[in-house]
C-alpha atoms as a PDB file:
ATOM      1  CA  MET A   1     -46.324 111.660 -70.693  1.00  0.00           C
ATOM      2  CA  ALA A   2     -45.924 111.766 -74.464  1.00  0.00           C
ATOM      3  CA  SER A   3     -48.862 111.115 -76.779  1.00  0.00           C
ATOM      4  CA  ALA A   4     -49.541 111.082 -80.524  1.00  0.00           C
ATOM      5  CA  ALA A   5     -52.593 111.113 -82.805  1.00  0.00           C
ATOM      6  CA  LEU A   6     -53.335 108.378 -85.337  1.00  0.00           C
ATOM      7  CA  THR A   7     -53.902 109.570 -88.920  1.00  0.00           C
ATOM      8  CA  SER A   8     -56.537 108.160 -91.262  1.00  0.00           C
ATOM      9  CA  LYS A   9     -53.732 106.129 -92.870  1.00  0.00           C
ATOM     10  CA  GLY A  10     -52.875 104.503 -89.524  1.00  0.00           C
ATOM     11  CA  GLN A  11     -49.670 106.493 -89.062  1.00  0.00           C
ATOM     12  CA  ILE A  12     -48.334 108.288 -85.987  1.00  0.00           C
ATOM     13  CA  THR A  13     -45.484 110.696 -85.398  1.00  0.00           C
ATOM     14  CA  ILE A  14     -43.361 109.554 -82.474  1.00  0.00           C
ATOM     15  CA  PRO A  15     -42.818 112.554 -80.181  1.00  0.00           C
ATOM     16  CA  ILE A  16     -39.308 114.026 -80.214  1.00  0.00           C
ATOM     17  CA  ASP A  17     -38.549 113.211 -76.571  1.00  0.00           C
ATOM     18  CA  VAL A  18     -39.440 109.549 -77.162  1.00  0.00           C
ATOM     19  CA  ARG A  19     -37.311 109.433 -80.336  1.00  0.00           C
ATOM     20  CA  ARG A  20     -34.372 110.904 -78.451  1.00  0.00           C
ATOM     21  CA  LYS A  21     -34.684 108.461 -75.547  1.00  0.00           C
ATOM     22  CA  LEU A  22     -34.876 105.531 -77.963  1.00  0.00           C
ATOM     23  CA  GLY A  23     -32.060 106.919 -80.132  1.00  0.00           C
ATOM     24  CA  LEU A  24     -34.273 106.836 -83.229  1.00  0.00           C
ATOM     25  CA  LYS A  25     -33.246 108.619 -86.422  1.00  0.00           C
ATOM     26  CA  PRO A  26     -35.095 109.047 -89.735  1.00  0.00           C
ATOM     27  CA  GLY A  27     -35.222 105.698 -91.544  1.00  0.00           C
ATOM     28  CA  ASP A  28     -34.859 103.611 -88.371  1.00  0.00           C
ATOM     29  CA  ARG A  29     -37.320 100.786 -87.888  1.00  0.00           C
ATOM     30  CA  VAL A  30     -39.220  99.978 -84.719  1.00  0.00           C
ATOM     31  CA  ARG A  31     -40.836  96.817 -83.395  1.00  0.00           C
ATOM     32  CA  PHE A  32     -44.119  96.551 -81.530  1.00  0.00           C
ATOM     33  CA  VAL A  33     -43.772  93.858 -78.888  1.00  0.00           C
ATOM     34  CA  GLU A  34     -46.910  92.581 -77.169  1.00  0.00           C
ATOM     35  CA  GLY A  35     -46.551  92.416 -73.403  1.00  0.00           C
ATOM     36  CA  ALA A  36     -48.079  89.808 -71.099  1.00  0.00           C
ATOM     37  CA  ASN A  37     -51.059  92.015 -70.235  1.00  0.00           C
ATOM     38  CA  GLY A  38     -51.903  92.924 -73.859  1.00  0.00           C
ATOM     39  CA  GLU A  39     -50.069  96.259 -73.899  1.00  0.00           C
ATOM     40  CA  TYR A  40     -47.621  96.940 -76.705  1.00  0.00           C
ATOM     41  CA  ILE A  41     -44.038  98.072 -76.199  1.00  0.00           C
ATOM     42  CA  LEU A  42     -42.259 100.145 -78.851  1.00  0.00           C
ATOM     43  CA  ARG A  43     -38.630  99.071 -79.314  1.00  0.00           C
ATOM     44  CA  PRO A  44     -35.955 100.096 -81.805  1.00  0.00           C
ATOM     45  CA  LYS A  45     -35.353  97.258 -84.258  1.00  0.00           C
ATOM     46  CA  THR A  46     -31.738  96.227 -84.120  1.00  0.00           C
ATOM     47  CA  ASN A  47     -30.253  94.751 -87.226  1.00  0.00           C
ATOM     48  CA  SER A  48     -29.632  91.067 -87.564  1.00  0.00           C
ATOM     49  CA  ILE A  49     -26.704  89.492 -89.351  1.00  0.00           C
ATOM     50  CA  MET A  50     -29.335  88.127 -91.734  1.00  0.00           C
ATOM     51  CA  ASP A  51     -30.064  91.711 -92.878  1.00  0.00           C
ATOM     52  CA  LEU A  52     -26.657  91.629 -94.587  1.00  0.00           C
ATOM     53  CA  ALA A  53     -27.555  88.734 -96.885  1.00  0.00           C
ATOM     54  CA  GLY A  54     -26.732  89.609-100.474  1.00  0.00           C
ATOM     55  CA  ILE A  55     -24.922  92.849 -99.634  1.00  0.00           C
ATOM     56  CA  ALA A  56     -21.520  91.645-100.901  1.00  0.00           C
ATOM     57  CA  HIS A  57     -21.211  90.552-104.493  1.00  0.00           C
ATOM     58  CA  TYR A  58     -18.425  88.300-105.734  1.00  0.00           C
ATOM     59  CA  SER A  59     -17.901  87.955-109.468  1.00  0.00           C
ATOM     60  CA  GLY A  60     -14.750  85.811-109.484  1.00  0.00           C
ATOM     61  CA  PRO A  61     -14.409  82.065-109.994  1.00  0.00           C
ATOM     62  CA  PRO A  62     -15.919  79.715-107.395  1.00  0.00           C
ATOM     63  CA  VAL A  63     -13.694  79.025-104.383  1.00  0.00           C
ATOM     64  CA  THR A  64     -13.631  75.689-102.561  1.00  0.00           C
ATOM     65  CA  ILE A  65     -14.002  75.306 -98.811  1.00  0.00           C
ATOM     66  CA  GLU A  66     -10.430  74.045 -98.692  1.00  0.00           C
ATOM     67  CA  GLU A  67      -9.173  77.211-100.423  1.00  0.00           C
ATOM     68  CA  MET A  68     -11.159  79.355 -97.993  1.00  0.00           C
ATOM     69  CA  ASN A  69      -9.758  77.488 -94.996  1.00  0.00           C
ATOM     70  CA  GLU A  70      -6.208  77.795 -96.324  1.00  0.00           C
ATOM     71  CA  THR A  71      -6.566  81.537 -96.874  1.00  0.00           C
ATOM     72  CA  ILE A  72      -8.041  81.997 -93.400  1.00  0.00           C
ATOM     73  CA  ALA A  73      -5.213  79.970 -91.851  1.00  0.00           C
ATOM     74  CA  GLN A  74      -2.582  81.997 -93.719  1.00  0.00           C
ATOM     75  CA  GLY A  75      -4.186  85.255 -92.635  1.00  0.00           C
ATOM     76  CA  TRP A  76      -4.413  84.136 -89.026  1.00  0.00           C
ATOM     77  CA  ALA A  77      -0.815  82.939 -89.033  1.00  0.00           C
ATOM     78  CA  GLY A  78       0.301  86.267 -90.497  1.00  0.00           C
ATOM     79  CA  ASP A  79      -1.565  88.252 -87.840  1.00  0.00           C
ATOM     80  CA  TRP A  80      -0.207  86.020 -85.091  1.00  0.00           C
ATOM     81  CA  SER A  81       3.411  86.520 -86.191  1.00  0.00           C
ATOM     82  CA  LYS A  82       2.941  90.336 -86.274  1.00  0.00           C
ATOM     83  CA  GLU A  83       1.939  90.368 -82.602  1.00  0.00           C
ATOM     84  CA  ARG A  84       5.112  88.615 -81.424  1.00  0.00           C
END
């Protein structure tokens, strides 16, 4: 059974065998999930689509919904014709 000591700053080092089993790498985040009996479960935090908010920057003129839909339709139609 793996164990770790708590520092005065409230930090712990997750033992290497636990990190390997959880697939954790430096910089990864973890969640502490409270179980029904008051125990806590350590789980890797998977990214949400919301974590991508603001990652892409567009500096061109505003585009209308209609223009977006038309471009999507043209792209889909082009992909569809390539498959046949």
